[in-house]
Amino acid sequence: MAVVAAGRRHSVGCRAEGTVVVAGDGRAGECDVGAWTDIVAVAVGNVHTAANTGRAHTVGLRRDGTVVATGWNGDGQCEVHGWRGVSAVAAGWRRTLGVLADGTVAAAGRDAEGRCDVAHWRGIRVVACGDWHSVGLRADGTALATGNDRRGQCRVDDWRDLVAVAAGSLYTVGLRADGTVVSTPGGPAPGVSRWRDVVAVSAGSHHVVGLRADGAVLAAGDNGHGQCDVGAWRHIVAVAAGSSHTLGVRADGTVAAVGSNADGRCEVHGWRGIRT
């Protein structure tokens, strides 16, 4: 479950005590998390274009399996308060997904192009949201996807032995049990297929981040804002990639950030006690 999340204009972190910290732009209410408690995972909904940068939302999963959300709700993506028995959450452009205890998936928000067409999914452990598509990881290590496939981002049916999936703007990456990474053809970083000893992946709009078993971090793709400058990071236990910045949680519960700091989204250096 994600203990940090990076959006287009803000960053979110889940503390071990169950409270949530935020940095960045909160114009749509996406940073109104001060009253949240007992949170074990967080997600943020990126927006599709820079013209809509004021439209974002933040999602929190509580320990009891309920879900809270705040921010822009133009398509009902924050209408998750009735969800129960949720084990994992994901947020994308104008939508929120939740994995239920029975392996089915709940969806709220915009269903254009089938991105919320998940009612028939079964045996799901984890979900991920890109801008236009949604991805599910089954308990048997296979994946499925729905939504726009213009860049081949939904072509995951032949992937096997997966332990994690992540969705970027118009691409999908998967982490195999052997520590290797697979990407759909339209991904911004085809070189991730050469990565080894990876234990976690995160997909930003146009860059991919991988956490290695030794606590080092790999990154590939668009580096126009320095969001891939993670080579010096050490002792990292969790990562999150946004549209133009990257976050890394250290073993001591502090957070590193690189990339664009517009709106203060990288002002996380004072964060302490992030869940590890």
C-alpha atoms as a PDB file:
ATOM      1  CA  MET A   1       0.000   0.000   0.000  1.00  0.00           C
ATOM      2  CA  ALA A   2       1.234   3.478  -0.820  1.00  0.00           C
ATOM      3  CA  VAL A   3       2.496   5.481   2.140  1.00  0.00           C
ATOM      4  CA  VAL A   4       3.364   8.463  -0.078  1.00  0.00           C
ATOM      5  CA  ALA A   5       1.697   9.711  -3.244  1.00  0.00           C
ATOM      6  CA  ALA A   6       2.731  12.345  -5.774  1.00  0.00           C
ATOM      7  CA  GLY A   7       0.290  14.250  -7.962  1.00  0.00           C
ATOM      8  CA  ARG A   8       0.651  17.032 -10.477  1.00  0.00           C
ATOM      9  CA  ARG A   9       0.685  19.827  -7.913  1.00  0.00           C
ATOM     10  CA  HIS A  10       0.789  18.209  -4.477  1.00  0.00           C
ATOM     11  CA  SER A  11       2.346  15.442  -2.384  1.00  0.00           C
ATOM     12  CA  VAL A  12       0.788  13.338   0.368  1.00  0.00           C
ATOM     13  CA  GLY A  13       2.328  11.217   3.112  1.00  0.00           C
ATOM     14  CA  CYS A  14       0.847   8.760   5.604  1.00  0.00           C
ATOM     15  CA  ARG A  15       2.386   8.824   9.083  1.00  0.00           C
ATOM     16  CA  ALA A  16       2.793   5.684  11.163  1.00  0.00           C
ATOM     17  CA  GLU A  17       0.347   7.147  13.690  1.00  0.00           C
ATOM     18  CA  GLY A  18      -2.360   7.291  11.015  1.00  0.00           C
ATOM     19  CA  THR A  19      -2.422  11.008  10.288  1.00  0.00           C
ATOM     20  CA  VAL A  20      -1.634  12.527   6.888  1.00  0.00           C
ATOM     21  CA  VAL A  21       0.722  15.312   5.805  1.00  0.00           C
ATOM     22  CA  VAL A  22       0.535  17.276   2.571  1.00  0.00           C
ATOM     23  CA  ALA A  23       2.603  19.748   0.571  1.00  0.00           C
ATOM     24  CA  GLY A  24       1.749  21.792  -2.490  1.00  0.00           C
ATOM     25  CA  ASP A  25      -1.306  23.347  -4.075  1.00  0.00           C
ATOM     26  CA  GLY A  26      -4.625  22.724  -2.358  1.00  0.00           C
ATOM     27  CA  ARG A  27      -6.904  24.975  -4.354  1.00  0.00           C
ATOM     28  CA  ALA A  28      -9.498  22.250  -4.933  1.00  0.00           C
ATOM     29  CA  GLY A  29      -9.424  21.035  -1.339  1.00  0.00           C
ATOM     30  CA  GLU A  30      -7.065  18.156  -2.094  1.00  0.00           C
ATOM     31  CA  CYS A  31      -4.899  19.145   0.883  1.00  0.00           C
ATOM     32  CA  ASP A  32      -7.778  19.218   3.394  1.00  0.00           C
ATOM     33  CA  VAL A  33      -6.639  16.116   5.248  1.00  0.00           C
ATOM     34  CA  GLY A  34      -5.992  17.592   8.689  1.00  0.00           C
ATOM     35  CA  ALA A  35      -8.910  15.753  10.288  1.00  0.00           C
ATOM     36  CA  TRP A  36      -8.057  12.350   8.841  1.00  0.00           C
ATOM     37  CA  THR A  37      -7.034   9.647  11.320  1.00  0.00           C
ATOM     38  CA  ASP A  38      -6.229   5.937  11.281  1.00  0.00           C
ATOM     39  CA  ILE A  39      -5.016   6.124   7.659  1.00  0.00           C
ATOM     40  CA  VAL A  40      -2.818   3.278   6.377  1.00  0.00           C
ATOM     41  CA  ALA A  41      -2.481   4.216   2.687  1.00  0.00           C
ATOM     42  CA  VAL A  42      -2.955   7.227   0.419  1.00  0.00           C
ATOM     43  CA  ALA A  43      -3.505   7.936  -3.282  1.00  0.00           C
ATOM     44  CA  VAL A  44      -3.824  11.066  -5.388  1.00  0.00           C
ATOM     45  CA  GLY A  45      -5.694  11.678  -8.604  1.00  0.00           C
ATOM     46  CA  ASN A  46      -3.585  13.305 -11.276  1.00  0.00           C
ATOM     47  CA  VAL A  47      -5.222  15.553 -13.849  1.00  0.00           C
ATOM     48  CA  HIS A  48      -4.995  14.994 -17.571  1.00  0.00           C
ATOM     49  CA  THR A  49      -3.729  18.355 -18.808  1.00  0.00           C
ATOM     50  CA  ALA A  50      -1.932  21.357 -17.411  1.00  0.00           C
ATOM     51  CA  ALA A  51      -5.035  23.421 -18.153  1.00  0.00           C
ATOM     52  CA  ASN A  52      -6.866  21.435 -15.467  1.00  0.00           C
ATOM     53  CA  THR A  53      -4.222  21.633 -12.761  1.00  0.00           C
ATOM     54  CA  GLY A  54      -6.726  22.932 -10.227  1.00  0.00           C
ATOM     55  CA  ARG A  55      -8.646  19.657 -10.457  1.00  0.00           C
ATOM     56  CA  ALA A  56      -7.137  17.023  -8.200  1.00  0.00           C
ATOM     57  CA  HIS A  57      -8.246  14.830  -5.326  1.00  0.00           C
ATOM     58  CA  THR A  58      -6.699  12.867  -2.474  1.00  0.00           C
ATOM     59  CA  VAL A  59      -7.824   9.488  -1.144  1.00  0.00           C
ATOM     60  CA  GLY A  60      -7.089   7.805   2.177  1.00  0.00           C
ATOM     61  CA  LEU A  61      -7.640   4.190   3.208  1.00  0.00           C
ATOM     62  CA  ARG A  62      -8.448   3.689   6.884  1.00  0.00           C
ATOM     63  CA  ARG A  63      -7.350   0.722   8.944  1.00  0.00           C
ATOM     64  CA  ASP A  64     -10.966  -0.433   9.257  1.00  0.00           C
ATOM     65  CA  GLY A  65     -11.344  -0.721   5.466  1.00  0.00           C
ATOM     66  CA  THR A  66     -13.319   2.469   4.940  1.00  0.00           C
ATOM     67  CA  VAL A  67     -12.204   5.220   2.574  1.00  0.00           C
ATOM     68  CA  VAL A  68     -12.113   9.012   2.708  1.00  0.00           C
ATOM     69  CA  ALA A  69     -11.539  11.468  -0.127  1.00  0.00           C
ATOM     70  CA  THR A  70     -11.200  15.203  -0.574  1.00  0.00           C
ATOM     71  CA  GLY A  71     -10.646  17.614  -3.429  1.00  0.00           C
ATOM     72  CA  TRP A  72     -12.243  18.181  -6.802  1.00  0.00           C
ATOM     73  CA  ASN A  73     -15.360  16.034  -7.164  1.00  0.00           C
ATOM     74  CA  GLY A  74     -16.657  17.078 -10.560  1.00  0.00           C
ATOM     75  CA  ASP A  75     -17.219  13.478 -11.676  1.00  0.00           C
ATOM     76  CA  GLY A  76     -18.063  11.963  -8.295  1.00  0.00           C
ATOM     77  CA  GLN A  77     -14.560  10.586  -7.753  1.00  0.00           C
ATOM     78  CA  CYS A  78     -14.700  11.526  -4.057  1.00  0.00           C
ATOM     79  CA  GLU A  79     -17.984   9.700  -3.415  1.00  0.00           C
ATOM     80  CA  VAL A  80     -16.361   6.779  -1.606  1.00  0.00           C
ATOM     81  CA  HIS A  81     -17.672   7.239   1.905  1.00  0.00           C
ATOM     82  CA  GLY A  82     -19.988   4.233   1.657  1.00  0.00           C
ATOM     83  CA  TRP A  83     -17.221   1.817   0.716  1.00  0.00           C
ATOM     84  CA  ARG A  84     -16.498  -0.949   3.221  1.00  0.00           C
ATOM     85  CA  GLY A  85     -14.020  -3.807   3.421  1.00  0.00           C
ATOM     86  CA  VAL A  86     -11.477  -2.064   1.175  1.00  0.00           C
ATOM     87  CA  SER A  87      -7.906  -3.410   1.171  1.00  0.00           C
ATOM     88  CA  ALA A  88      -6.251  -1.130  -1.436  1.00  0.00           C
ATOM     89  CA  VAL A  89      -7.027   2.132  -3.245  1.00  0.00           C
ATOM     90  CA  ALA A  90      -5.868   3.939  -6.365  1.00  0.00           C
ATOM     91  CA  ALA A  91      -6.741   7.324  -7.838  1.00  0.00           C
ATOM     92  CA  GLY A  92      -6.459   8.626 -11.371  1.00  0.00           C
ATOM     93  CA  TRP A  93      -7.800  11.362 -13.565  1.00  0.00           C
ATOM     94  CA  ARG A  94     -11.400  11.925 -12.375  1.00  0.00           C
ATOM     95  CA  ARG A  95     -11.804   8.530 -10.688  1.00  0.00           C
ATOM     96  CA  THR A  96     -11.057   6.364  -7.647  1.00  0.00           C
ATOM     97  CA  LEU A  97     -10.777   2.578  -7.423  1.00  0.00           C
ATOM     98  CA  GLY A  98     -10.925   0.360  -4.360  1.00  0.00           C
ATOM     99  CA  VAL A  99     -10.125  -3.334  -3.983  1.00  0.00           C
ATOM    100  CA  LEU A 100     -12.674  -5.103  -1.775  1.00  0.00           C
ATOM    101  CA  ALA A 101     -11.966  -8.009   0.552  1.00  0.00           C
ATOM    102  CA  ASP A 102     -13.566 -10.481  -1.862  1.00  0.00           C
ATOM    103  CA  GLY A 103     -11.237  -9.483  -4.721  1.00  0.00           C
ATOM    104  CA  THR A 104     -13.774  -7.371  -6.574  1.00  0.00           C
ATOM    105  CA  VAL A 105     -13.257  -3.691  -7.351  1.00  0.00           C
ATOM    106  CA  ALA A 106     -15.369  -0.617  -6.591  1.00  0.00           C
ATOM    107  CA  ALA A 107     -15.158   2.474  -8.782  1.00  0.00           C
ATOM    108  CA  ALA A 108     -16.260   6.084  -8.457  1.00  0.00           C
ATOM    109  CA  GLY A 109     -15.927   8.863 -11.000  1.00  0.00           C
ATOM    110  CA  ARG A 110     -15.850   9.269 -14.744  1.00  0.00           C
ATOM    111  CA  ASP A 111     -16.287   6.140 -16.850  1.00  0.00           C
ATOM    112  CA  ALA A 112     -15.511   7.637 -20.264  1.00  0.00           C
ATOM    113  CA  GLU A 113     -13.800   5.069 -22.507  1.00  0.00           C
ATOM    114  CA  GLY A 114     -14.424   2.322 -19.952  1.00  0.00           C
ATOM    115  CA  ARG A 115     -11.799   3.328 -17.411  1.00  0.00           C
ATOM    116  CA  CYS A 116     -14.224   2.439 -14.576  1.00  0.00           C
ATOM    117  CA  ASP A 117     -15.489  -0.738 -16.256  1.00  0.00           C
ATOM    118  CA  VAL A 118     -14.218  -2.986 -13.470  1.00  0.00           C
ATOM    119  CA  ALA A 119     -17.422  -4.515 -12.107  1.00  0.00           C
ATOM    120  CA  HIS A 120     -16.601  -7.904 -13.652  1.00  0.00           C
ATOM    121  CA  TRP A 121     -13.056  -8.094 -12.278  1.00  0.00           C
ATOM    122  CA  ARG A 122     -12.385 -10.925  -9.830  1.00  0.00           C
ATOM    123  CA  GLY A 123      -9.431 -12.114  -7.747  1.00  0.00           C
ATOM    124  CA  ILE A 124      -7.839  -8.641  -7.644  1.00  0.00           C
ATOM    125  CA  ARG A 125      -5.164  -7.723  -5.095  1.00  0.00           C
ATOM    126  CA  VAL A 126      -3.971  -4.325  -6.340  1.00  0.00           C
ATOM    127  CA  VAL A 127      -5.216  -1.642  -8.745  1.00  0.00           C
ATOM    128  CA  ALA A 128      -3.539   1.277 -10.515  1.00  0.00           C
ATOM    129  CA  CYS A 129      -4.871   4.262 -12.446  1.00  0.00           C
ATOM    130  CA  GLY A 130      -3.378   6.063 -15.399  1.00  0.00           C
ATOM    131  CA  ASP A 131      -4.923   9.075 -17.061  1.00  0.00           C
ATOM    132  CA  TRP A 132      -7.183   7.108 -19.379  1.00  0.00           C
ATOM    133  CA  HIS A 133      -6.920   3.496 -18.215  1.00  0.00           C
ATOM    134  CA  SER A 134      -7.137   1.299 -15.134  1.00  0.00           C
ATOM    135  CA  VAL A 135      -5.084  -1.780 -14.299  1.00  0.00           C
ATOM    136  CA  GLY A 136      -5.712  -4.674 -11.931  1.00  0.00           C
ATOM    137  CA  LEU A 137      -3.275  -7.231 -10.531  1.00  0.00           C
ATOM    138  CA  ARG A 138      -4.813 -10.634  -9.829  1.00  0.00           C
ATOM    139  CA  ALA A 139      -3.791 -12.877  -6.968  1.00  0.00           C
ATOM    140  CA  ASP A 140      -2.381 -15.352  -9.494  1.00  0.00           C
ATOM    141  CA  GLY A 141       0.159 -12.801 -10.742  1.00  0.00           C
ATOM    142  CA  THR A 142      -1.617 -11.916 -13.973  1.00  0.00           C
ATOM    143  CA  ALA A 143      -2.950  -8.488 -14.952  1.00  0.00           C
ATOM    144  CA  LEU A 144      -5.892  -6.993 -16.798  1.00  0.00           C
ATOM    145  CA  ALA A 145      -6.709  -3.477 -17.916  1.00  0.00           C
ATOM    146  CA  THR A 146      -9.589  -1.388 -19.180  1.00  0.00           C
ATOM    147  CA  GLY A 147      -9.958   2.017 -20.800  1.00  0.00           C
ATOM    148  CA  ASN A 148      -8.230   3.828 -23.619  1.00  0.00           C
ATOM    149  CA  ASP A 149      -5.620   1.668 -25.374  1.00  0.00           C
ATOM    150  CA  ARG A 150      -4.333   4.169 -27.943  1.00  0.00           C
ATOM    151  CA  ARG A 151      -0.709   3.606 -26.876  1.00  0.00           C
ATOM    152  CA  GLY A 152      -1.095  -0.071 -26.014  1.00  0.00           C
ATOM    153  CA  GLN A 153      -1.315   0.728 -22.313  1.00  0.00           C
ATOM    154  CA  CYS A 154      -3.924  -1.996 -21.783  1.00  0.00           C
ATOM    155  CA  ARG A 155      -1.910  -4.779 -23.424  1.00  0.00           C
ATOM    156  CA  VAL A 156      -1.005  -6.636 -20.249  1.00  0.00           C
ATOM    157  CA  ASP A 157      -2.873  -9.907 -20.766  1.00  0.00           C
ATOM    158  CA  ASP A 158       0.264 -11.949 -21.371  1.00  0.00           C
ATOM    159  CA  TRP A 159       2.153 -10.688 -18.305  1.00  0.00           C
ATOM    160  CA  ARG A 160       2.860 -13.348 -15.660  1.00  0.00           C
ATOM    161  CA  ASP A 161       4.429 -13.698 -12.202  1.00  0.00           C
ATOM    162  CA  LEU A 162       3.617 -10.091 -11.263  1.00  0.00           C
ATOM    163  CA  VAL A 163       3.785  -8.724  -7.727  1.00  0.00           C
ATOM    164  CA  ALA A 164       2.966  -5.077  -8.516  1.00  0.00           C
ATOM    165  CA  VAL A 165       1.607  -2.844 -11.277  1.00  0.00           C
ATOM    166  CA  ALA A 166       1.746   0.903 -11.877  1.00  0.00           C
ATOM    167  CA  ALA A 167       0.067   3.120 -14.451  1.00  0.00           C
ATOM    168  CA  GLY A 168       1.400   6.316 -15.984  1.00  0.00           C
ATOM    169  CA  SER A 169      -0.195   8.789 -18.315  1.00  0.00           C
ATOM    170  CA  LEU A 170      -0.481   6.445 -21.306  1.00  0.00           C
ATOM    171  CA  TYR A 171       1.503   3.385 -20.265  1.00  0.00           C
ATOM    172  CA  THR A 172       1.677   0.560 -17.720  1.00  0.00           C
ATOM    173  CA  VAL A 173       4.573  -1.121 -15.925  1.00  0.00           C
ATOM    174  CA  GLY A 174       4.621  -4.374 -14.017  1.00  0.00           C
ATOM    175  CA  LEU A 175       7.046  -5.767 -11.445  1.00  0.00           C
ATOM    176  CA  ARG A 176       7.752  -9.499 -11.645  1.00  0.00           C
ATOM    177  CA  ALA A 177       8.540 -11.730  -8.696  1.00  0.00           C
ATOM    178  CA  ASP A 178      12.118 -12.127  -9.921  1.00  0.00           C
ATOM    179  CA  GLY A 179      12.760  -8.369  -9.562  1.00  0.00           C
ATOM    180  CA  THR A 180      12.552  -7.512 -13.261  1.00  0.00           C
ATOM    181  CA  VAL A 181      10.220  -4.934 -14.792  1.00  0.00           C
ATOM    182  CA  VAL A 182       8.014  -5.076 -17.885  1.00  0.00           C
ATOM    183  CA  SER A 183       6.460  -2.102 -19.676  1.00  0.00           C
ATOM    184  CA  THR A 184       3.824  -1.652 -22.371  1.00  0.00           C
ATOM    185  CA  PRO A 185       5.139  -0.501 -25.772  1.00  0.00           C
ATOM    186  CA  GLY A 186       4.072   3.116 -25.304  1.00  0.00           C
ATOM    187  CA  GLY A 187       6.014   3.578 -22.085  1.00  0.00           C
ATOM    188  CA  PRO A 188       8.457   6.478 -21.785  1.00  0.00           C
ATOM    189  CA  ALA A 189      11.296   4.247 -20.591  1.00  0.00           C
ATOM    190  CA  PRO A 190      11.661   0.950 -22.480  1.00  0.00           C
ATOM    191  CA  GLY A 191      15.036   0.520 -20.765  1.00  0.00           C
ATOM    192  CA  VAL A 192      13.314  -0.573 -17.550  1.00  0.00           C
ATOM    193  CA  SER A 193      13.399  -4.101 -18.954  1.00  0.00           C
ATOM    194  CA  ARG A 194      17.092  -4.123 -18.018  1.00  0.00           C
ATOM    195  CA  TRP A 195      16.475  -3.291 -14.361  1.00  0.00           C
ATOM    196  CA  ARG A 196      17.224  -5.993 -11.798  1.00  0.00           C
ATOM    197  CA  ASP A 197      16.593  -6.582  -8.075  1.00  0.00           C
ATOM    198  CA  VAL A 198      13.600  -4.220  -8.050  1.00  0.00           C
ATOM    199  CA  VAL A 199      11.104  -4.534  -5.182  1.00  0.00           C
ATOM    200  CA  ALA A 200       8.706  -1.666  -5.963  1.00  0.00           C
ATOM    201  CA  VAL A 201       7.763   0.506  -8.955  1.00  0.00           C
ATOM    202  CA  SER A 202       5.922   3.779  -9.412  1.00  0.00           C
ATOM    203  CA  ALA A 203       4.788   5.399 -12.646  1.00  0.00           C
ATOM    204  CA  GLY A 204       4.683   9.144 -13.102  1.00  0.00           C
ATOM    205  CA  SER A 205       3.142  10.911 -16.044  1.00  0.00           C
ATOM    206  CA  HIS A 206       6.235  10.375 -18.184  1.00  0.00           C
ATOM    207  CA  HIS A 207       8.845   8.746 -15.946  1.00  0.00           C
ATOM    208  CA  VAL A 208       9.235   5.464 -14.078  1.00  0.00           C
ATOM    209  CA  VAL A 209      10.848   4.924 -10.683  1.00  0.00           C
ATOM    210  CA  GLY A 210      12.073   1.618  -9.294  1.00  0.00           C
ATOM    211  CA  LEU A 211      13.149   0.784  -5.751  1.00  0.00           C
ATOM    212  CA  ARG A 212      15.912  -1.800  -5.454  1.00  0.00           C
ATOM    213  CA  ALA A 213      16.286  -4.343  -2.678  1.00  0.00           C
ATOM    214  CA  ASP A 214      19.378  -2.563  -1.394  1.00  0.00           C
ATOM    215  CA  GLY A 215      17.492   0.705  -0.827  1.00  0.00           C
ATOM    216  CA  ALA A 216      18.838   2.455  -3.928  1.00  0.00           C
ATOM    217  CA  VAL A 217      16.475   3.966  -6.508  1.00  0.00           C
ATOM    218  CA  LEU A 218      16.371   3.803 -10.307  1.00  0.00           C
ATOM    219  CA  ALA A 219      14.555   6.220 -12.601  1.00  0.00           C
ATOM    220  CA  ALA A 220      14.077   6.543 -16.347  1.00  0.00           C
ATOM    221  CA  GLY A 221      12.053   8.642 -18.748  1.00  0.00           C
ATOM    222  CA  ASP A 222      11.387  12.373 -18.867  1.00  0.00           C
ATOM    223  CA  ASN A 223      13.869  14.252 -16.685  1.00  0.00           C
ATOM    224  CA  GLY A 224      13.025  17.780 -17.710  1.00  0.00           C
ATOM    225  CA  HIS A 225      12.576  18.886 -14.097  1.00  0.00           C
ATOM    226  CA  GLY A 226      15.197  16.613 -12.542  1.00  0.00           C
ATOM    227  CA  GLN A 227      12.568  14.106 -11.411  1.00  0.00           C
ATOM    228  CA  CYS A 228      14.891  11.238 -12.323  1.00  0.00           C
ATOM    229  CA  ASP A 229      17.862  12.543 -10.327  1.00  0.00           C
ATOM    230  CA  VAL A 230      17.618   9.872  -7.639  1.00  0.00           C
ATOM    231  CA  GLY A 231      21.000   8.191  -8.090  1.00  0.00           C
ATOM    232  CA  ALA A 232      22.343   9.444  -4.769  1.00  0.00           C
ATOM    233  CA  TRP A 233      19.399   8.241  -2.685  1.00  0.00           C
ATOM    234  CA  ARG A 234      20.072   5.491  -0.156  1.00  0.00           C
ATOM    235  CA  HIS A 235      18.112   3.618   2.506  1.00  0.00           C
ATOM    236  CA  ILE A 236      14.830   4.159   0.650  1.00  0.00           C
ATOM    237  CA  VAL A 237      11.864   1.916   1.495  1.00  0.00           C
ATOM    238  CA  ALA A 238       9.066   3.405  -0.667  1.00  0.00           C
ATOM    239  CA  VAL A 239       8.823   5.610  -3.757  1.00  0.00           C
ATOM    240  CA  ALA A 240       6.180   7.662  -5.568  1.00  0.00           C
ATOM    241  CA  ALA A 241       6.350   9.321  -8.981  1.00  0.00           C
ATOM    242  CA  GLY A 242       4.200  12.320  -9.924  1.00  0.00           C
ATOM    243  CA  SER A 243       3.863  14.348 -13.076  1.00  0.00           C
ATOM    244  CA  SER A 244       7.224  16.094 -12.652  1.00  0.00           C
ATOM    245  CA  HIS A 245       8.587  15.114  -9.236  1.00  0.00           C
ATOM    246  CA  THR A 246       9.583  12.005  -7.294  1.00  0.00           C
ATOM    247  CA  LEU A 247       9.329  11.146  -3.600  1.00  0.00           C
ATOM    248  CA  GLY A 248      11.313   8.591  -1.618  1.00  0.00           C
ATOM    249  CA  VAL A 249      10.643   7.450   1.944  1.00  0.00           C
ATOM    250  CA  ARG A 250      13.773   6.693   3.961  1.00  0.00           C
ATOM    251  CA  ALA A 251      13.991   3.903   6.504  1.00  0.00           C
ATOM    252  CA  ASP A 252      13.935   6.503   9.288  1.00  0.00           C
ATOM    253  CA  GLY A 253      10.546   7.850   8.177  1.00  0.00           C
ATOM    254  CA  THR A 254      11.833  11.001   6.511  1.00  0.00           C
ATOM    255  CA  VAL A 255      11.208  11.836   2.860  1.00  0.00           C
ATOM    256  CA  ALA A 256      13.432  12.896  -0.049  1.00  0.00           C
ATOM    257  CA  ALA A 257      12.131  14.772  -3.084  1.00  0.00           C
ATOM    258  CA  VAL A 258      13.480  15.777  -6.491  1.00  0.00           C
ATOM    259  CA  GLY A 259      11.950  17.494  -9.483  1.00  0.00           C
ATOM    260  CA  SER A 260       9.734  20.500  -9.917  1.00  0.00           C
ATOM    261  CA  ASN A 261       8.922  22.333  -6.699  1.00  0.00           C
ATOM    262  CA  ALA A 262       6.253  24.534  -8.246  1.00  0.00           C
ATOM    263  CA  ASP A 263       3.523  25.142  -5.662  1.00  0.00           C
ATOM    264  CA  GLY A 264       5.769  23.648  -2.963  1.00  0.00           C
ATOM    265  CA  ARG A 265       5.061  20.048  -3.895  1.00  0.00           C
ATOM    266  CA  CYS A 266       8.636  19.027  -2.954  1.00  0.00           C
ATOM    267  CA  GLU A 267       8.647  20.767   0.430  1.00  0.00           C
ATOM    268  CA  VAL A 268       8.587  17.481   2.317  1.00  0.00           C
ATOM    269  CA  HIS A 269      11.937  17.670   4.072  1.00  0.00           C
ATOM    270  CA  GLY A 270      10.276  18.456   7.388  1.00  0.00           C
ATOM    271  CA  TRP A 271       8.069  15.380   7.277  1.00  0.00           C
ATOM    272  CA  ARG A 272       8.746  12.850  10.033  1.00  0.00           C
ATOM    273  CA  GLY A 273       7.286   9.536  11.083  1.00  0.00           C
ATOM    274  CA  ILE A 274       6.100   8.428   7.639  1.00  0.00           C
ATOM    275  CA  ARG A 275       4.939   4.827   7.701  1.00  0.00           C
ATOM    276  CA  THR A 276       7.745   2.447   6.706  1.00  0.00           C
END
